[in-house]
């Protein structure tokens, strides 16, 4: 008689919920590394070597910093500048911080009709649904929150309201300075002030 096959035990990562041997293809391999080093060191031997090297480097850095601070004196704090936290995307690219600015663009459709788009109000803490209602009431037109081409939400207002929108934005939301409002004219960004 043939033996009944035994089920294969698979070790799943609690961080990315993939089998441990597939963690490197998961959404965030960096978060999985500590768990893999503790629970599956045989699958990724390079991680173990890397972790040991980091620990040795950190230990030597701590030794140096304690010797420097003790040499500097009792009350003196180390004047090493703190590096700004930078978010790294997959592939090593650095994510840039968004500038706080409101961009107003007038788009013409059907030769006569216009749509004015307002982008970036949410960066100043303005709730876009409330802003679209206020814009619609003020200019007696339709206004709605839509996703733009960059998958960010923006406000589309029917009609050409660029003539009076800067005053309305700065009066309604004092957190939005006039220097942070820009128009897009002929493909170029022009300050509103």
N, C-alpha and C. Protein backbone atom coordinates (compact mmCIF):
# COMPACT_ATOMS: atom_id res chain seq x y z
N UNK A 1 0.82 -1.19 0.00
CA UNK A 1 0.00 0.00 0.00
C UNK A 1 0.87 1.25 0.00
N UNK A 2 0.40 2.24 -0.70
CA UNK A 2 1.12 3.51 -0.77
C UNK A 2 0.82 4.35 0.47
N UNK A 3 1.85 5.04 0.92
CA UNK A 3 1.67 5.90 2.08
C UNK A 3 0.88 7.15 1.70
N UNK A 4 0.10 7.60 2.65
CA UNK A 4 -0.68 8.81 2.43
C UNK A 4 0.28 10.01 2.51
N UNK A 5 0.26 10.92 1.49
CA UNK A 5 1.19 12.06 1.52
C UNK A 5 0.85 13.01 2.68
N UNK A 6 1.90 13.50 3.29
CA UNK A 6 1.74 14.43 4.40
C UNK A 6 1.60 15.87 3.86
N UNK A 7 0.77 16.67 4.52
CA UNK A 7 0.62 18.05 4.05
C UNK A 7 1.92 18.84 4.27
N UNK A 8 2.17 19.79 3.38
CA UNK A 8 3.36 20.63 3.48
C UNK A 8 3.04 21.80 4.41
N UNK A 9 3.90 22.01 5.36
CA UNK A 9 3.72 23.14 6.27
C UNK A 9 4.37 24.38 5.65
N UNK A 10 3.58 25.42 5.49
CA UNK A 10 4.06 26.66 4.89
C UNK A 10 4.14 27.73 5.96
N UNK A 11 5.26 28.42 6.01
CA UNK A 11 5.48 29.49 6.97
C UNK A 11 5.05 30.81 6.33
N UNK A 12 4.00 31.44 6.89
CA UNK A 12 3.48 32.69 6.36
C UNK A 12 3.99 33.87 7.17
N UNK A 13 4.35 34.93 6.48
CA UNK A 13 4.83 36.16 7.12
C UNK A 13 3.63 36.94 7.65
N UNK A 14 3.63 37.32 8.94
CA UNK A 14 2.50 38.08 9.49
C UNK A 14 2.48 39.53 9.01
N UNK A 15 3.56 40.02 8.42
CA UNK A 15 3.63 41.41 7.98
C UNK A 15 2.94 41.59 6.63
N UNK A 16 3.34 40.76 5.64
CA UNK A 16 2.78 40.91 4.29
C UNK A 16 1.81 39.80 3.93
N UNK A 17 1.65 38.81 4.76
CA UNK A 17 0.75 37.66 4.61
C UNK A 17 1.09 36.78 3.41
N UNK A 18 2.31 36.83 2.94
CA UNK A 18 2.77 35.94 1.88
C UNK A 18 3.59 34.82 2.50
N UNK A 19 3.78 33.71 1.77
CA UNK A 19 4.72 32.71 2.27
C UNK A 19 6.10 33.36 2.42
N UNK A 20 6.85 32.93 3.41
CA UNK A 20 8.12 33.58 3.74
C UNK A 20 9.08 33.65 2.56
N UNK A 21 9.08 32.63 1.70
CA UNK A 21 10.01 32.66 0.57
C UNK A 21 9.60 33.67 -0.51
N UNK A 22 8.40 34.23 -0.42
CA UNK A 22 7.94 35.23 -1.40
C UNK A 22 7.89 36.64 -0.82
N UNK A 23 8.38 36.84 0.39
CA UNK A 23 8.34 38.17 1.01
C UNK A 23 9.06 39.22 0.19
N UNK A 24 10.15 38.84 -0.46
CA UNK A 24 10.91 39.82 -1.23
C UNK A 24 10.11 40.40 -2.40
N UNK A 25 9.04 39.72 -2.80
CA UNK A 25 8.19 40.21 -3.89
C UNK A 25 6.95 40.91 -3.36
N UNK A 26 6.84 41.03 -2.05
CA UNK A 26 5.66 41.61 -1.42
C UNK A 26 5.66 43.13 -1.48
N UNK A 27 4.66 43.75 -0.86
CA UNK A 27 4.51 45.19 -0.94
C UNK A 27 5.61 45.98 -0.23
N UNK A 28 6.12 45.47 0.90
CA UNK A 28 7.15 46.20 1.62
C UNK A 28 8.13 45.22 2.28
N UNK A 29 9.15 44.87 1.53
CA UNK A 29 10.12 43.88 1.99
C UNK A 29 10.90 44.39 3.21
N UNK A 30 11.09 45.71 3.31
CA UNK A 30 11.85 46.27 4.43
C UNK A 30 11.19 45.97 5.77
N UNK A 31 9.85 46.01 5.81
CA UNK A 31 9.13 45.74 7.05
C UNK A 31 9.18 44.25 7.41
N UNK A 32 9.31 43.40 6.41
CA UNK A 32 9.35 41.95 6.65
C UNK A 32 10.71 41.48 7.15
N UNK A 33 11.77 42.23 6.86
CA UNK A 33 13.14 41.77 7.15
C UNK A 33 13.36 41.36 8.61
N UNK A 34 12.94 42.18 9.60
CA UNK A 34 13.20 41.76 10.99
C UNK A 34 12.54 40.43 11.34
N UNK A 35 11.32 40.23 10.88
CA UNK A 35 10.61 38.98 11.16
C UNK A 35 11.31 37.81 10.47
N UNK A 36 11.76 38.02 9.24
CA UNK A 36 12.45 36.96 8.50
C UNK A 36 13.77 36.58 9.17
N UNK A 37 14.50 37.57 9.68
CA UNK A 37 15.78 37.28 10.33
C UNK A 37 15.56 36.42 11.57
N UNK A 38 14.46 36.71 12.32
CA UNK A 38 14.18 35.95 13.53
C UNK A 38 13.60 34.56 13.23
N UNK A 39 12.70 34.45 12.27
CA UNK A 39 11.94 33.22 12.08
C UNK A 39 12.34 32.36 10.88
N UNK A 40 12.99 32.94 9.89
CA UNK A 40 13.38 32.16 8.71
C UNK A 40 14.75 32.57 8.21
N UNK A 41 15.79 32.44 9.06
CA UNK A 41 17.12 32.88 8.64
C UNK A 41 17.71 32.01 7.53
N UNK A 42 17.25 30.77 7.41
CA UNK A 42 17.78 29.89 6.38
C UNK A 42 17.30 30.27 4.98
N UNK A 43 16.15 30.96 4.88
CA UNK A 43 15.63 31.36 3.57
C UNK A 43 16.39 32.54 2.98
N UNK A 44 16.81 33.45 3.82
CA UNK A 44 17.52 34.65 3.36
C UNK A 44 18.82 34.80 4.15
N UNK A 45 19.86 34.05 3.81
CA UNK A 45 21.11 34.15 4.56
C UNK A 45 21.79 35.52 4.40
N UNK A 46 21.53 36.20 3.28
CA UNK A 46 22.13 37.51 3.08
C UNK A 46 21.59 38.52 4.10
N UNK A 47 20.32 38.37 4.48
CA UNK A 47 19.72 39.28 5.46
C UNK A 47 20.41 39.15 6.81
N UNK A 48 20.75 37.93 7.17
CA UNK A 48 21.41 37.68 8.44
C UNK A 48 22.79 38.36 8.46
N UNK A 49 23.53 38.22 7.36
CA UNK A 49 24.84 38.87 7.26
C UNK A 49 24.69 40.39 7.31
N UNK A 50 23.69 40.89 6.59
CA UNK A 50 23.43 42.34 6.55
C UNK A 50 23.07 42.87 7.94
N UNK A 51 22.23 42.13 8.68
CA UNK A 51 21.83 42.55 10.01
C UNK A 51 23.02 42.56 10.96
N UNK A 52 23.87 41.55 10.87
CA UNK A 52 25.06 41.51 11.72
C UNK A 52 26.00 42.67 11.42
N UNK A 53 26.13 43.01 10.15
CA UNK A 53 27.00 44.13 9.76
C UNK A 53 26.42 45.45 10.29
N UNK A 54 25.10 45.61 10.22
CA UNK A 54 24.47 46.83 10.72
C UNK A 54 24.65 46.96 12.23
N UNK A 55 24.49 45.84 12.95
CA UNK A 55 24.66 45.87 14.40
C UNK A 55 26.08 46.27 14.78
N UNK A 56 27.05 45.74 14.06
CA UNK A 56 28.44 46.08 14.34
C UNK A 56 28.70 47.56 14.06
N UNK A 57 28.13 48.08 12.97
CA UNK A 57 28.32 49.50 12.63
C UNK A 57 27.65 50.40 13.67
N UNK A 58 26.45 50.03 14.11
CA UNK A 58 25.75 50.82 15.13
C UNK A 58 26.50 50.82 16.44
N UNK A 59 27.05 49.68 16.81
CA UNK A 59 27.81 49.59 18.06
C UNK A 59 29.04 50.50 18.00
N UNK A 60 29.74 50.52 16.86
CA UNK A 60 30.92 51.38 16.75
C UNK A 60 30.51 52.85 16.73
N UNK A 61 29.36 53.18 16.10
CA UNK A 61 28.88 54.57 16.10
C UNK A 61 28.52 55.02 17.50
N UNK A 62 27.89 54.14 18.29
CA UNK A 62 27.53 54.50 19.66
C UNK A 62 28.78 54.72 20.51
N UNK A 63 29.78 53.89 20.30
CA UNK A 63 31.04 54.05 21.02
C UNK A 63 31.66 55.40 20.70
N UNK A 64 31.67 55.76 19.41
CA UNK A 64 32.25 57.03 19.01
C UNK A 64 31.46 58.21 19.56
N UNK A 65 30.12 58.14 19.51
CA UNK A 65 29.31 59.26 19.98
C UNK A 65 29.44 59.44 21.49
N UNK A 66 29.54 58.34 22.24
CA UNK A 66 29.71 58.48 23.69
C UNK A 66 31.07 59.07 24.02
N UNK A 67 32.10 58.71 23.27
CA UNK A 67 33.42 59.26 23.53
C UNK A 67 33.48 60.73 23.14
N UNK A 68 32.79 61.12 22.09
CA UNK A 68 32.76 62.52 21.67
C UNK A 68 32.00 63.36 22.68
N UNK A 69 30.82 62.86 23.12
CA UNK A 69 30.00 63.64 24.06
C UNK A 69 30.68 63.76 25.41
N UNK A 70 31.40 62.73 25.83
CA UNK A 70 32.09 62.82 27.11
C UNK A 70 33.29 63.77 27.01
N UNK A 71 33.90 63.84 25.84
CA UNK A 71 35.02 64.76 25.64
C UNK A 71 34.52 66.20 25.54
N UNK A 72 33.30 66.41 25.06
CA UNK A 72 32.76 67.76 24.88
C UNK A 72 32.41 68.40 26.22
N UNK A 73 32.09 67.64 27.22
CA UNK A 73 31.74 68.21 28.52
C UNK A 73 30.41 67.69 29.00
N UNK A 74 30.08 68.06 30.23
CA UNK A 74 28.85 67.54 30.83
C UNK A 74 27.60 68.16 30.22
N UNK A 75 27.52 69.50 30.14
CA UNK A 75 26.29 70.16 29.73
C UNK A 75 26.17 70.37 28.23
N UNK A 76 27.20 70.12 27.46
CA UNK A 76 27.17 70.39 26.02
C UNK A 76 26.47 69.27 25.28
N UNK A 77 25.57 69.63 24.41
CA UNK A 77 24.86 68.64 23.59
C UNK A 77 25.57 68.55 22.25
N UNK A 78 25.50 67.40 21.64
CA UNK A 78 26.17 67.24 20.35
C UNK A 78 25.45 68.09 19.31
N UNK A 79 26.22 68.72 18.45
CA UNK A 79 25.65 69.65 17.47
C UNK A 79 25.56 69.00 16.09
N UNK A 80 25.37 67.71 16.04
CA UNK A 80 25.23 67.02 14.76
C UNK A 80 23.87 67.37 14.16
N UNK A 81 23.84 67.84 12.91
CA UNK A 81 22.56 68.21 12.30
C UNK A 81 21.72 66.97 12.02
N UNK A 82 20.43 67.09 12.34
CA UNK A 82 19.53 65.96 12.07
C UNK A 82 19.18 65.94 10.60
N UNK A 83 19.23 64.76 10.02
CA UNK A 83 18.87 64.65 8.61
C UNK A 83 17.36 64.59 8.49
N UNK A 84 16.86 65.25 7.44
CA UNK A 84 15.43 65.27 7.19
C UNK A 84 14.97 63.89 6.73
N UNK A 85 13.85 63.43 7.27
CA UNK A 85 13.32 62.13 6.87
C UNK A 85 12.84 62.21 5.43
N UNK A 86 13.36 61.32 4.60
CA UNK A 86 13.00 61.30 3.20
C UNK A 86 12.32 59.98 2.91
N UNK A 87 11.19 60.03 2.25
CA UNK A 87 10.48 58.80 1.93
C UNK A 87 11.04 58.24 0.63
N UNK A 88 11.44 56.98 0.67
CA UNK A 88 11.97 56.34 -0.52
C UNK A 88 10.92 55.42 -1.12
N UNK A 89 10.78 55.53 -2.42
CA UNK A 89 9.85 54.70 -3.17
C UNK A 89 10.58 53.47 -3.68
N UNK A 90 9.85 52.44 -4.15
CA UNK A 90 10.53 51.28 -4.72
C UNK A 90 11.43 51.71 -5.88
N UNK A 91 12.60 51.11 -5.96
CA UNK A 91 13.55 51.47 -7.00
C UNK A 91 14.52 52.54 -6.52
N UNK A 92 14.40 52.96 -5.26
CA UNK A 92 15.34 53.93 -4.69
C UNK A 92 14.99 55.38 -4.99
N UNK A 93 13.86 55.64 -5.65
CA UNK A 93 13.50 57.02 -5.96
C UNK A 93 13.05 57.71 -4.68
N UNK A 94 13.28 59.00 -4.61
CA UNK A 94 12.92 59.79 -3.44
C UNK A 94 11.62 60.53 -3.72
N UNK A 95 10.68 60.42 -2.78
CA UNK A 95 9.40 61.10 -2.94
C UNK A 95 9.56 62.54 -2.51
N UNK A 96 9.18 63.45 -3.40
CA UNK A 96 9.30 64.87 -3.10
C UNK A 96 8.11 65.33 -2.27
N UNK A 97 8.37 66.30 -1.40
CA UNK A 97 7.29 66.90 -0.64
C UNK A 97 6.50 67.81 -1.57
N UNK A 98 5.19 67.79 -1.41
CA UNK A 98 4.35 68.63 -2.24
C UNK A 98 4.41 70.07 -1.75
N UNK A 99 4.50 70.99 -2.70
CA UNK A 99 4.46 72.40 -2.36
C UNK A 99 3.02 72.77 -2.05
N UNK A 100 2.84 73.62 -1.07
CA UNK A 100 1.51 74.07 -0.73
C UNK A 100 1.16 75.23 -1.66
N UNK A 101 0.43 74.91 -2.71
CA UNK A 101 0.00 75.94 -3.64
C UNK A 101 -1.33 75.55 -4.27
N UNK A 102 -2.11 76.57 -4.61
CA UNK A 102 -3.39 76.38 -5.28
C UNK A 102 -3.18 76.75 -6.74
N UNK A 103 -3.53 75.84 -7.63
CA UNK A 103 -3.36 76.07 -9.06
C UNK A 103 -4.74 76.17 -9.69
N UNK A 104 -4.97 77.26 -10.41
CA UNK A 104 -6.26 77.49 -11.08
C UNK A 104 -6.02 77.46 -12.58
N UNK A 105 -6.81 76.64 -13.25
CA UNK A 105 -6.64 76.49 -14.70
C UNK A 105 -8.00 76.59 -15.37
N UNK A 106 -8.02 77.29 -16.49
CA UNK A 106 -9.26 77.43 -17.26
C UNK A 106 -9.14 76.54 -18.50
N UNK A 107 -10.09 75.61 -18.64
CA UNK A 107 -10.08 74.68 -19.76
C UNK A 107 -11.30 75.00 -20.63
N UNK A 108 -11.07 75.22 -21.91
CA UNK A 108 -12.16 75.53 -22.83
C UNK A 108 -12.64 74.25 -23.49
N UNK A 109 -13.96 74.11 -23.58
CA UNK A 109 -14.53 72.97 -24.29
C UNK A 109 -15.65 73.47 -25.19
N UNK A 110 -15.87 72.80 -26.30
CA UNK A 110 -16.89 73.17 -27.29
C UNK A 110 -16.77 74.63 -27.72
N UNK A 111 -15.58 75.14 -27.84
CA UNK A 111 -15.22 76.46 -28.32
C UNK A 111 -15.69 77.62 -27.46
N UNK A 112 -16.83 77.53 -26.78
CA UNK A 112 -17.34 78.65 -26.02
C UNK A 112 -17.42 78.37 -24.52
N UNK A 113 -17.64 77.15 -24.17
CA UNK A 113 -17.87 76.82 -22.76
C UNK A 113 -16.52 76.59 -22.06
N UNK A 114 -16.48 76.98 -20.77
CA UNK A 114 -15.25 76.85 -19.98
C UNK A 114 -15.50 76.06 -18.71
N UNK A 115 -14.44 75.44 -18.23
CA UNK A 115 -14.43 74.80 -16.91
C UNK A 115 -13.20 75.34 -16.20
N UNK A 116 -13.38 75.83 -15.00
CA UNK A 116 -12.26 76.31 -14.19
C UNK A 116 -11.95 75.23 -13.17
N UNK A 117 -10.71 74.75 -13.17
CA UNK A 117 -10.31 73.73 -12.20
C UNK A 117 -9.46 74.37 -11.11
N UNK A 118 -9.72 73.96 -9.89
CA UNK A 118 -8.98 74.45 -8.72
C UNK A 118 -8.32 73.25 -8.08
N UNK A 119 -6.98 73.25 -8.09
CA UNK A 119 -6.22 72.13 -7.52
C UNK A 119 -5.40 72.62 -6.33
N UNK A 120 -5.28 71.78 -5.31
CA UNK A 120 -4.39 72.06 -4.19
C UNK A 120 -5.02 72.71 -2.98
N UNK A 121 -6.31 72.93 -2.98
CA UNK A 121 -6.95 73.52 -1.80
C UNK A 121 -6.86 72.59 -0.59
N UNK A 122 -6.87 71.28 -0.84
CA UNK A 122 -6.83 70.32 0.26
C UNK A 122 -5.50 70.37 1.01
N UNK A 123 -4.44 70.88 0.40
CA UNK A 123 -3.14 70.98 1.07
C UNK A 123 -3.16 72.02 2.19
N UNK A 124 -4.14 72.90 2.15
CA UNK A 124 -4.27 73.92 3.19
C UNK A 124 -5.31 73.54 4.24
N UNK A 125 -5.77 72.29 4.22
CA UNK A 125 -6.73 71.82 5.21
C UNK A 125 -8.17 72.17 4.87
N UNK A 126 -8.44 72.51 3.62
CA UNK A 126 -9.80 72.86 3.20
C UNK A 126 -10.49 71.58 2.74
N UNK A 127 -11.69 71.35 3.22
CA UNK A 127 -12.46 70.19 2.79
C UNK A 127 -13.04 70.50 1.41
N UNK A 128 -12.69 69.68 0.42
CA UNK A 128 -13.04 69.98 -0.97
C UNK A 128 -14.54 69.98 -1.23
N UNK A 129 -15.29 69.12 -0.56
CA UNK A 129 -16.74 69.09 -0.79
C UNK A 129 -17.39 70.39 -0.32
N UNK A 130 -16.93 70.90 0.83
CA UNK A 130 -17.45 72.18 1.31
C UNK A 130 -17.03 73.33 0.39
N UNK A 131 -15.79 73.28 -0.07
CA UNK A 131 -15.30 74.33 -0.95
C UNK A 131 -16.08 74.35 -2.26
N UNK A 132 -16.41 73.18 -2.81
CA UNK A 132 -17.14 73.15 -4.08
C UNK A 132 -18.55 73.71 -3.89
N UNK A 133 -19.19 73.44 -2.75
CA UNK A 133 -20.51 74.00 -2.47
C UNK A 133 -20.45 75.52 -2.39
N UNK A 134 -19.44 76.03 -1.67
CA UNK A 134 -19.32 77.48 -1.52
C UNK A 134 -19.02 78.15 -2.86
N UNK A 135 -18.16 77.53 -3.67
CA UNK A 135 -17.86 78.09 -4.99
C UNK A 135 -19.11 78.09 -5.87
N UNK A 136 -19.88 77.01 -5.82
CA UNK A 136 -21.10 76.92 -6.62
C UNK A 136 -22.11 77.97 -6.22
N UNK A 137 -22.25 78.21 -4.91
CA UNK A 137 -23.20 79.23 -4.44
C UNK A 137 -22.73 80.64 -4.80
N UNK A 138 -21.46 80.91 -4.58
CA UNK A 138 -20.92 82.25 -4.83
C UNK A 138 -21.04 82.64 -6.30
N UNK A 139 -20.70 81.73 -7.19
CA UNK A 139 -20.68 82.06 -8.61
C UNK A 139 -21.92 81.57 -9.35
N UNK A 140 -22.91 81.06 -8.63
CA UNK A 140 -24.18 80.60 -9.19
C UNK A 140 -23.96 79.66 -10.38
N UNK A 141 -23.21 78.62 -10.12
CA UNK A 141 -22.87 77.66 -11.18
C UNK A 141 -22.68 76.28 -10.58
N UNK A 142 -22.47 75.30 -11.41
CA UNK A 142 -22.22 73.94 -10.94
C UNK A 142 -20.77 73.76 -10.55
N UNK A 143 -20.53 73.09 -9.45
CA UNK A 143 -19.16 72.82 -9.00
C UNK A 143 -19.14 71.43 -8.39
N UNK A 144 -18.10 70.67 -8.69
CA UNK A 144 -18.02 69.31 -8.15
C UNK A 144 -16.57 68.93 -7.91
N UNK A 145 -16.40 67.94 -7.03
CA UNK A 145 -15.07 67.40 -6.74
C UNK A 145 -14.87 66.19 -7.63
N UNK A 146 -13.79 66.20 -8.41
CA UNK A 146 -13.49 65.11 -9.33
C UNK A 146 -12.03 64.71 -9.17
N UNK A 147 -11.71 63.52 -9.65
CA UNK A 147 -10.31 63.08 -9.67
C UNK A 147 -9.67 63.58 -10.94
N UNK A 148 -8.54 64.23 -10.79
CA UNK A 148 -7.83 64.77 -11.93
C UNK A 148 -6.99 63.71 -12.62
N UNK A 149 -6.22 64.11 -13.62
CA UNK A 149 -5.39 63.15 -14.35
C UNK A 149 -4.30 62.52 -13.50
N UNK A 150 -3.90 63.17 -12.41
CA UNK A 150 -2.86 62.61 -11.54
C UNK A 150 -3.45 61.86 -10.35
N UNK A 151 -4.74 61.50 -10.43
CA UNK A 151 -5.45 60.76 -9.38
C UNK A 151 -5.60 61.56 -8.09
N UNK A 152 -5.41 62.88 -8.17
CA UNK A 152 -5.65 63.73 -7.01
C UNK A 152 -6.96 64.44 -7.22
N UNK A 153 -7.65 64.69 -6.12
CA UNK A 153 -8.95 65.34 -6.23
C UNK A 153 -8.79 66.83 -6.50
N UNK A 154 -9.68 67.35 -7.33
CA UNK A 154 -9.70 68.76 -7.67
C UNK A 154 -11.14 69.21 -7.79
N UNK A 155 -11.35 70.52 -7.83
CA UNK A 155 -12.70 71.06 -7.96
C UNK A 155 -12.87 71.57 -9.39
N UNK A 156 -13.92 71.13 -10.07
CA UNK A 156 -14.27 71.63 -11.39
C UNK A 156 -15.47 72.54 -11.24
N UNK A 157 -15.34 73.77 -11.70
CA UNK A 157 -16.42 74.75 -11.64
C UNK A 157 -16.80 75.11 -13.07
N UNK A 158 -18.08 75.04 -13.39
CA UNK A 158 -18.53 75.38 -14.73
C UNK A 158 -18.44 76.89 -14.93
N UNK A 159 -17.88 77.28 -16.05
CA UNK A 159 -17.78 78.69 -16.39
C UNK A 159 -16.41 79.25 -16.07
N UNK A 160 -16.18 80.48 -16.57
CA UNK A 160 -14.92 81.18 -16.37
C UNK A 160 -15.05 82.07 -15.14
N UNK A 161 -14.53 81.60 -14.01
CA UNK A 161 -14.63 82.38 -12.77
C UNK A 161 -13.26 82.85 -12.32
N UNK A 162 -12.26 82.77 -13.20
CA UNK A 162 -10.90 83.12 -12.83
C UNK A 162 -10.77 84.59 -12.44
N UNK A 163 -11.66 85.44 -12.89
CA UNK A 163 -11.56 86.87 -12.63
C UNK A 163 -11.74 87.20 -11.15
N UNK A 164 -12.53 86.43 -10.41
CA UNK A 164 -12.88 86.80 -9.04
C UNK A 164 -12.53 85.72 -8.01
N UNK A 165 -11.94 84.63 -8.46
CA UNK A 165 -11.75 83.49 -7.55
C UNK A 165 -10.66 83.72 -6.51
N UNK A 166 -9.63 84.50 -6.86
CA UNK A 166 -8.52 84.71 -5.92
C UNK A 166 -9.02 85.45 -4.68
N UNK A 167 -9.82 86.52 -4.88
CA UNK A 167 -10.36 87.27 -3.74
C UNK A 167 -11.25 86.37 -2.90
N UNK A 168 -12.08 85.56 -3.56
CA UNK A 168 -13.00 84.69 -2.83
C UNK A 168 -12.24 83.66 -1.99
N UNK A 169 -11.19 83.07 -2.56
CA UNK A 169 -10.41 82.05 -1.83
C UNK A 169 -9.72 82.65 -0.61
N UNK A 170 -9.11 83.81 -0.77
CA UNK A 170 -8.37 84.41 0.36
C UNK A 170 -9.31 84.93 1.44
N UNK A 171 -10.53 85.38 1.06
CA UNK A 171 -11.48 85.85 2.07
C UNK A 171 -12.13 84.69 2.81
N UNK A 172 -12.50 83.64 2.07
CA UNK A 172 -13.20 82.52 2.68
C UNK A 172 -12.28 81.66 3.55
N UNK A 173 -11.07 81.42 3.08
CA UNK A 173 -10.10 80.60 3.81
C UNK A 173 -8.85 81.43 4.05
N UNK A 174 -8.71 82.05 5.21
CA UNK A 174 -7.54 82.90 5.49
C UNK A 174 -6.22 82.13 5.52
N UNK A 175 -6.28 80.80 5.66
CA UNK A 175 -5.06 80.00 5.66
C UNK A 175 -4.41 79.94 4.28
N UNK A 176 -5.16 80.29 3.24
CA UNK A 176 -4.64 80.25 1.87
C UNK A 176 -4.10 81.64 1.53
N UNK A 177 -2.76 81.82 1.52
CA UNK A 177 -2.22 83.14 1.19
C UNK A 177 -2.30 83.40 -0.32
N UNK A 178 -2.38 84.67 -0.67
CA UNK A 178 -2.49 85.03 -2.08
C UNK A 178 -1.21 84.68 -2.84
N UNK A 179 -0.09 84.62 -2.13
CA UNK A 179 1.18 84.28 -2.79
C UNK A 179 1.25 82.81 -3.18
N UNK A 180 0.36 81.98 -2.62
CA UNK A 180 0.36 80.54 -2.92
C UNK A 180 -0.64 80.19 -4.02
N UNK A 181 -1.26 81.18 -4.65
CA UNK A 181 -2.24 80.93 -5.70
C UNK A 181 -1.61 81.24 -7.04
N UNK A 182 -1.72 80.28 -7.97
CA UNK A 182 -1.13 80.41 -9.29
C UNK A 182 -2.17 80.12 -10.36
N UNK A 183 -2.02 80.77 -11.51
CA UNK A 183 -2.84 80.48 -12.69
C UNK A 183 -1.98 79.76 -13.71
N UNK A 184 -2.61 78.90 -14.50
CA UNK A 184 -1.91 78.29 -15.62
C UNK A 184 -2.41 78.97 -16.88
N UNK A 185 -1.50 79.71 -17.52
CA UNK A 185 -1.84 80.43 -18.76
C UNK A 185 -0.86 80.02 -19.84
N UNK A 186 -1.37 79.52 -20.93
CA UNK A 186 -0.56 79.06 -22.07
C UNK A 186 0.48 78.01 -21.63
N UNK A 187 0.10 77.16 -20.70
CA UNK A 187 0.98 76.10 -20.24
C UNK A 187 2.02 76.53 -19.25
N UNK A 188 2.01 77.77 -18.81
CA UNK A 188 2.99 78.27 -17.85
C UNK A 188 2.29 78.65 -16.56
N UNK A 189 2.98 78.44 -15.45
CA UNK A 189 2.44 78.78 -14.13
C UNK A 189 2.76 80.24 -13.84
N UNK A 190 1.69 81.04 -13.63
CA UNK A 190 1.84 82.47 -13.39
C UNK A 190 1.28 82.79 -12.01
N UNK A 191 2.02 83.54 -11.17
CA UNK A 191 1.49 83.86 -9.84
C UNK A 191 0.27 84.79 -9.96
N UNK A 192 -0.68 84.60 -9.05
CA UNK A 192 -1.90 85.39 -9.08
C UNK A 192 -1.68 86.76 -8.48
N UNK A 193 -0.71 86.90 -7.58
CA UNK A 193 -0.47 88.18 -6.90
C UNK A 193 0.23 89.16 -7.79
